[in-house]
Amino acid sequence: ENETALSGLVLASRRSGDNQEAIRYLNQLLLITPESPPWLTQKTKILWEQGQFDEAFETAERLLSFDPTLIEMRQWLADAYHEKGKPDQAKVHELILLRLKQ
């Protein structure tokens, strides 16, 4: 029940443009379901949009620690590391992507 209510609050906050509030609700959701790919993905996107790049990287890495096979997130992370001038971190994810796609 709490998860459903909180997910509705996340969506409403996003729609109204209140990303800080959305992050607050996402953090509460992640206390309930800490390994949830949808909520970690959502948090990563919001942090990135807000320019909180280090936190976005950390959240994406956390997500991949729970499920290393998430190709879409791994590709996003490789691209994001390149964009921010971190080629060594990007290369790590690119190599894993190559193995996953075999």
N, C-alpha and C. Protein backbone atom coordinates (compact mmCIF):
# COMPACT_ATOMS: atom_id res chain seq x y z
N GLU A 1 0.82 -1.20 0.00
CA GLU A 1 0.00 0.00 0.00
C GLU A 1 0.86 1.26 0.00
N ASN A 2 1.85 1.29 0.90
CA ASN A 2 2.74 2.45 0.94
C ASN A 2 3.45 2.64 -0.38
N GLU A 3 3.88 1.53 -0.98
CA GLU A 3 4.60 1.62 -2.25
C GLU A 3 3.72 2.23 -3.33
N THR A 4 2.47 1.82 -3.39
CA THR A 4 1.55 2.35 -4.38
C THR A 4 1.32 3.84 -4.17
N ALA A 5 1.10 4.24 -2.93
CA ALA A 5 0.87 5.66 -2.62
C ALA A 5 2.10 6.49 -2.96
N LEU A 6 3.26 6.00 -2.55
CA LEU A 6 4.50 6.73 -2.82
C LEU A 6 4.79 6.83 -4.31
N SER A 7 4.51 5.76 -5.05
CA SER A 7 4.76 5.81 -6.50
C SER A 7 3.86 6.85 -7.16
N GLY A 8 2.62 6.96 -6.68
CA GLY A 8 1.72 7.99 -7.19
C GLY A 8 2.24 9.39 -6.88
N LEU A 9 2.81 9.56 -5.70
CA LEU A 9 3.36 10.86 -5.31
C LEU A 9 4.60 11.20 -6.14
N VAL A 10 5.40 10.19 -6.46
CA VAL A 10 6.57 10.42 -7.33
C VAL A 10 6.10 10.94 -8.68
N LEU A 11 5.13 10.25 -9.27
CA LEU A 11 4.63 10.63 -10.59
C LEU A 11 4.00 12.02 -10.57
N ALA A 12 3.21 12.31 -9.54
CA ALA A 12 2.58 13.63 -9.43
C ALA A 12 3.64 14.72 -9.27
N SER A 13 4.66 14.46 -8.48
CA SER A 13 5.74 15.44 -8.29
C SER A 13 6.48 15.70 -9.60
N ARG A 14 6.74 14.63 -10.35
CA ARG A 14 7.43 14.78 -11.64
C ARG A 14 6.59 15.61 -12.60
N ARG A 15 5.29 15.29 -12.65
CA ARG A 15 4.40 16.02 -13.57
C ARG A 15 4.33 17.50 -13.23
N SER A 16 4.38 17.81 -11.96
CA SER A 16 4.30 19.22 -11.54
C SER A 16 5.67 19.91 -11.60
N GLY A 17 6.70 19.15 -11.94
CA GLY A 17 8.03 19.73 -12.06
C GLY A 17 8.79 19.87 -10.75
N ASP A 18 8.28 19.25 -9.70
CA ASP A 18 8.93 19.32 -8.39
C ASP A 18 9.84 18.11 -8.20
N ASN A 19 11.02 18.20 -8.80
CA ASN A 19 11.94 17.06 -8.76
C ASN A 19 12.49 16.79 -7.37
N GLN A 20 12.65 17.83 -6.56
CA GLN A 20 13.14 17.63 -5.19
C GLN A 20 12.15 16.78 -4.40
N GLU A 21 10.88 17.08 -4.57
CA GLU A 21 9.84 16.29 -3.89
C GLU A 21 9.83 14.86 -4.43
N ALA A 22 9.99 14.71 -5.74
CA ALA A 22 10.04 13.38 -6.34
C ALA A 22 11.19 12.56 -5.76
N ILE A 23 12.35 13.20 -5.61
CA ILE A 23 13.51 12.51 -5.01
C ILE A 23 13.20 12.09 -3.58
N ARG A 24 12.54 12.97 -2.85
CA ARG A 24 12.18 12.64 -1.46
C ARG A 24 11.30 11.39 -1.40
N TYR A 25 10.30 11.33 -2.29
CA TYR A 25 9.42 10.16 -2.31
C TYR A 25 10.16 8.92 -2.83
N LEU A 26 11.03 9.11 -3.80
CA LEU A 26 11.82 7.99 -4.30
C LEU A 26 12.71 7.41 -3.20
N ASN A 27 13.30 8.28 -2.41
CA ASN A 27 14.13 7.79 -1.31
C ASN A 27 13.31 6.97 -0.32
N GLN A 28 12.07 7.39 -0.09
CA GLN A 28 11.19 6.61 0.79
C GLN A 28 10.85 5.27 0.15
N LEU A 29 10.58 5.29 -1.15
CA LEU A 29 10.31 4.03 -1.86
C LEU A 29 11.49 3.09 -1.79
N LEU A 30 12.69 3.63 -1.92
CA LEU A 30 13.89 2.81 -1.92
C LEU A 30 14.20 2.24 -0.53
N LEU A 31 13.60 2.81 0.50
CA LEU A 31 13.71 2.19 1.82
C LEU A 31 12.86 0.92 1.88
N ILE A 32 11.77 0.92 1.12
CA ILE A 32 10.86 -0.23 1.08
C ILE A 32 11.40 -1.29 0.12
N THR A 33 11.84 -0.84 -1.06
CA THR A 33 12.33 -1.76 -2.10
C THR A 33 13.69 -1.24 -2.61
N PRO A 34 14.76 -1.48 -1.85
CA PRO A 34 16.06 -0.88 -2.18
C PRO A 34 16.67 -1.32 -3.50
N GLU A 35 16.23 -2.45 -4.03
CA GLU A 35 16.83 -2.96 -5.27
C GLU A 35 15.92 -2.76 -6.49
N SER A 36 14.94 -1.89 -6.39
CA SER A 36 13.94 -1.72 -7.44
C SER A 36 14.51 -1.01 -8.67
N PRO A 37 14.65 -1.72 -9.79
CA PRO A 37 15.16 -1.07 -11.00
C PRO A 37 14.35 0.16 -11.45
N PRO A 38 13.01 0.10 -11.45
CA PRO A 38 12.28 1.29 -11.90
C PRO A 38 12.54 2.52 -11.04
N TRP A 39 12.62 2.34 -9.72
CA TRP A 39 12.80 3.50 -8.84
C TRP A 39 14.24 4.01 -8.90
N LEU A 40 15.19 3.11 -8.99
CA LEU A 40 16.59 3.55 -9.11
C LEU A 40 16.82 4.24 -10.46
N THR A 41 16.17 3.74 -11.50
CA THR A 41 16.29 4.37 -12.82
C THR A 41 15.69 5.77 -12.79
N GLN A 42 14.52 5.88 -12.20
CA GLN A 42 13.85 7.19 -12.08
C GLN A 42 14.71 8.18 -11.30
N LYS A 43 15.28 7.71 -10.20
CA LYS A 43 16.13 8.59 -9.38
C LYS A 43 17.36 9.02 -10.17
N THR A 44 17.97 8.10 -10.91
CA THR A 44 19.13 8.43 -11.73
C THR A 44 18.78 9.53 -12.73
N LYS A 45 17.66 9.39 -13.40
CA LYS A 45 17.24 10.38 -14.41
C LYS A 45 17.03 11.76 -13.80
N ILE A 46 16.36 11.80 -12.66
CA ILE A 46 16.09 13.09 -12.02
C ILE A 46 17.39 13.74 -11.57
N LEU A 47 18.26 12.96 -10.94
CA LEU A 47 19.54 13.52 -10.50
C LEU A 47 20.33 14.07 -11.67
N TRP A 48 20.32 13.35 -12.79
CA TRP A 48 21.03 13.81 -13.98
C TRP A 48 20.44 15.12 -14.49
N GLU A 49 19.12 15.17 -14.57
CA GLU A 49 18.44 16.38 -15.04
C GLU A 49 18.76 17.58 -14.16
N GLN A 50 18.98 17.34 -12.88
CA GLN A 50 19.27 18.42 -11.93
C GLN A 50 20.76 18.77 -11.90
N GLY A 51 21.55 18.08 -12.70
CA GLY A 51 22.98 18.37 -12.73
C GLY A 51 23.75 17.75 -11.59
N GLN A 52 23.13 16.82 -10.89
CA GLN A 52 23.80 16.12 -9.79
C GLN A 52 24.43 14.84 -10.36
N PHE A 53 25.46 15.05 -11.17
CA PHE A 53 26.02 13.97 -11.96
C PHE A 53 26.67 12.88 -11.12
N ASP A 54 27.43 13.26 -10.11
CA ASP A 54 28.08 12.24 -9.28
C ASP A 54 27.05 11.34 -8.59
N GLU A 55 25.99 11.96 -8.09
CA GLU A 55 24.93 11.18 -7.45
C GLU A 55 24.20 10.30 -8.47
N ALA A 56 24.02 10.81 -9.68
CA ALA A 56 23.39 10.02 -10.73
C ALA A 56 24.26 8.81 -11.08
N PHE A 57 25.57 9.04 -11.21
CA PHE A 57 26.48 7.92 -11.48
C PHE A 57 26.41 6.89 -10.35
N GLU A 58 26.43 7.37 -9.13
CA GLU A 58 26.39 6.48 -7.97
C GLU A 58 25.10 5.65 -7.95
N THR A 59 23.99 6.28 -8.24
CA THR A 59 22.70 5.58 -8.23
C THR A 59 22.63 4.56 -9.36
N ALA A 60 23.13 4.92 -10.54
CA ALA A 60 23.14 3.98 -11.67
C ALA A 60 24.05 2.79 -11.37
N GLU A 61 25.20 3.06 -10.77
CA GLU A 61 26.13 1.97 -10.41
C GLU A 61 25.48 1.06 -9.37
N ARG A 62 24.76 1.66 -8.44
CA ARG A 62 24.05 0.87 -7.43
C ARG A 62 23.04 -0.06 -8.09
N LEU A 63 22.29 0.49 -9.02
CA LEU A 63 21.31 -0.32 -9.75
C LEU A 63 21.99 -1.50 -10.44
N LEU A 64 23.09 -1.24 -11.11
CA LEU A 64 23.79 -2.31 -11.83
C LEU A 64 24.43 -3.31 -10.87
N SER A 65 24.70 -2.91 -9.66
CA SER A 65 25.22 -3.87 -8.68
C SER A 65 24.14 -4.89 -8.30
N PHE A 66 22.89 -4.47 -8.37
CA PHE A 66 21.78 -5.38 -8.08
C PHE A 66 21.43 -6.24 -9.29
N ASP A 67 21.52 -5.65 -10.48
CA ASP A 67 21.22 -6.39 -11.71
C ASP A 67 22.19 -5.96 -12.81
N PRO A 68 23.31 -6.67 -12.92
CA PRO A 68 24.34 -6.28 -13.90
C PRO A 68 23.95 -6.51 -15.36
N THR A 69 22.80 -7.12 -15.60
CA THR A 69 22.38 -7.42 -16.98
C THR A 69 21.51 -6.35 -17.61
N LEU A 70 21.29 -5.24 -16.94
CA LEU A 70 20.43 -4.18 -17.47
C LEU A 70 21.18 -3.41 -18.56
N ILE A 71 21.03 -3.87 -19.78
CA ILE A 71 21.79 -3.35 -20.91
C ILE A 71 21.50 -1.87 -21.14
N GLU A 72 20.24 -1.48 -21.10
CA GLU A 72 19.88 -0.09 -21.37
C GLU A 72 20.54 0.87 -20.37
N MET A 73 20.52 0.52 -19.08
CA MET A 73 21.15 1.38 -18.07
C MET A 73 22.66 1.36 -18.23
N ARG A 74 23.22 0.22 -18.53
CA ARG A 74 24.67 0.13 -18.71
C ARG A 74 25.12 0.99 -19.90
N GLN A 75 24.34 0.97 -20.98
CA GLN A 75 24.66 1.79 -22.15
C GLN A 75 24.55 3.27 -21.81
N TRP A 76 23.48 3.62 -21.09
CA TRP A 76 23.32 5.02 -20.67
C TRP A 76 24.52 5.46 -19.83
N LEU A 77 24.94 4.59 -18.91
CA LEU A 77 26.04 4.93 -18.02
C LEU A 77 27.35 5.10 -18.81
N ALA A 78 27.61 4.22 -19.76
CA ALA A 78 28.81 4.36 -20.60
C ALA A 78 28.78 5.69 -21.35
N ASP A 79 27.64 6.00 -21.93
CA ASP A 79 27.50 7.27 -22.68
C ASP A 79 27.65 8.48 -21.75
N ALA A 80 27.06 8.39 -20.56
CA ALA A 80 27.12 9.50 -19.60
C ALA A 80 28.56 9.72 -19.12
N TYR A 81 29.28 8.64 -18.88
CA TYR A 81 30.69 8.78 -18.47
C TYR A 81 31.50 9.44 -19.59
N HIS A 82 31.25 9.05 -20.83
CA HIS A 82 31.93 9.71 -21.95
C HIS A 82 31.61 11.20 -21.98
N GLU A 83 30.32 11.50 -21.84
CA GLU A 83 29.87 12.89 -21.89
C GLU A 83 30.55 13.75 -20.84
N LYS A 84 30.82 13.17 -19.69
CA LYS A 84 31.42 13.93 -18.59
C LYS A 84 32.94 13.75 -18.52
N GLY A 85 33.53 13.22 -19.59
CA GLY A 85 34.99 13.14 -19.66
C GLY A 85 35.60 12.09 -18.76
N LYS A 86 34.90 10.97 -18.60
CA LYS A 86 35.40 9.88 -17.76
C LYS A 86 35.53 8.61 -18.62
N PRO A 87 36.49 8.60 -19.56
CA PRO A 87 36.59 7.49 -20.50
C PRO A 87 36.94 6.15 -19.86
N ASP A 88 37.69 6.16 -18.75
CA ASP A 88 38.05 4.90 -18.11
C ASP A 88 36.81 4.19 -17.56
N GLN A 89 35.94 4.96 -16.90
CA GLN A 89 34.70 4.37 -16.37
C GLN A 89 33.80 3.92 -17.53
N ALA A 90 33.76 4.70 -18.60
CA ALA A 90 32.94 4.34 -19.76
C ALA A 90 33.42 3.02 -20.35
N LYS A 91 34.72 2.86 -20.44
CA LYS A 91 35.30 1.65 -21.04
C LYS A 91 34.91 0.40 -20.27
N VAL A 92 34.89 0.49 -18.95
CA VAL A 92 34.48 -0.64 -18.11
C VAL A 92 33.09 -1.12 -18.54
N HIS A 93 32.17 -0.19 -18.71
CA HIS A 93 30.79 -0.56 -19.05
C HIS A 93 30.68 -1.01 -20.50
N GLU A 94 31.48 -0.43 -21.36
CA GLU A 94 31.47 -0.86 -22.76
C GLU A 94 31.95 -2.30 -22.90
N LEU A 95 32.96 -2.68 -22.14
CA LEU A 95 33.46 -4.06 -22.19
C LEU A 95 32.41 -5.03 -21.66
N ILE A 96 31.75 -4.65 -20.60
CA ILE A 96 30.68 -5.51 -20.05
C ILE A 96 29.54 -5.62 -21.07
N LEU A 97 29.21 -4.52 -21.72
CA LEU A 97 28.16 -4.55 -22.75
C LEU A 97 28.50 -5.53 -23.87
N LEU A 98 29.75 -5.52 -24.29
CA LEU A 98 30.18 -6.45 -25.33
C LEU A 98 29.95 -7.89 -24.90
N ARG A 99 30.30 -8.20 -23.67
CA ARG A 99 30.10 -9.57 -23.15
C ARG A 99 28.62 -9.90 -23.05
N LEU A 100 27.82 -8.94 -22.61
CA LEU A 100 26.38 -9.20 -22.46
C LEU A 100 25.69 -9.44 -23.80
N LYS A 101 26.21 -8.79 -24.83
CA LYS A 101 25.56 -8.89 -26.15
C LYS A 101 26.01 -10.13 -26.95
N GLN A 102 26.96 -10.89 -26.40
CA GLN A 102 27.44 -12.10 -27.11
C GLN A 102 26.44 -13.23 -26.98
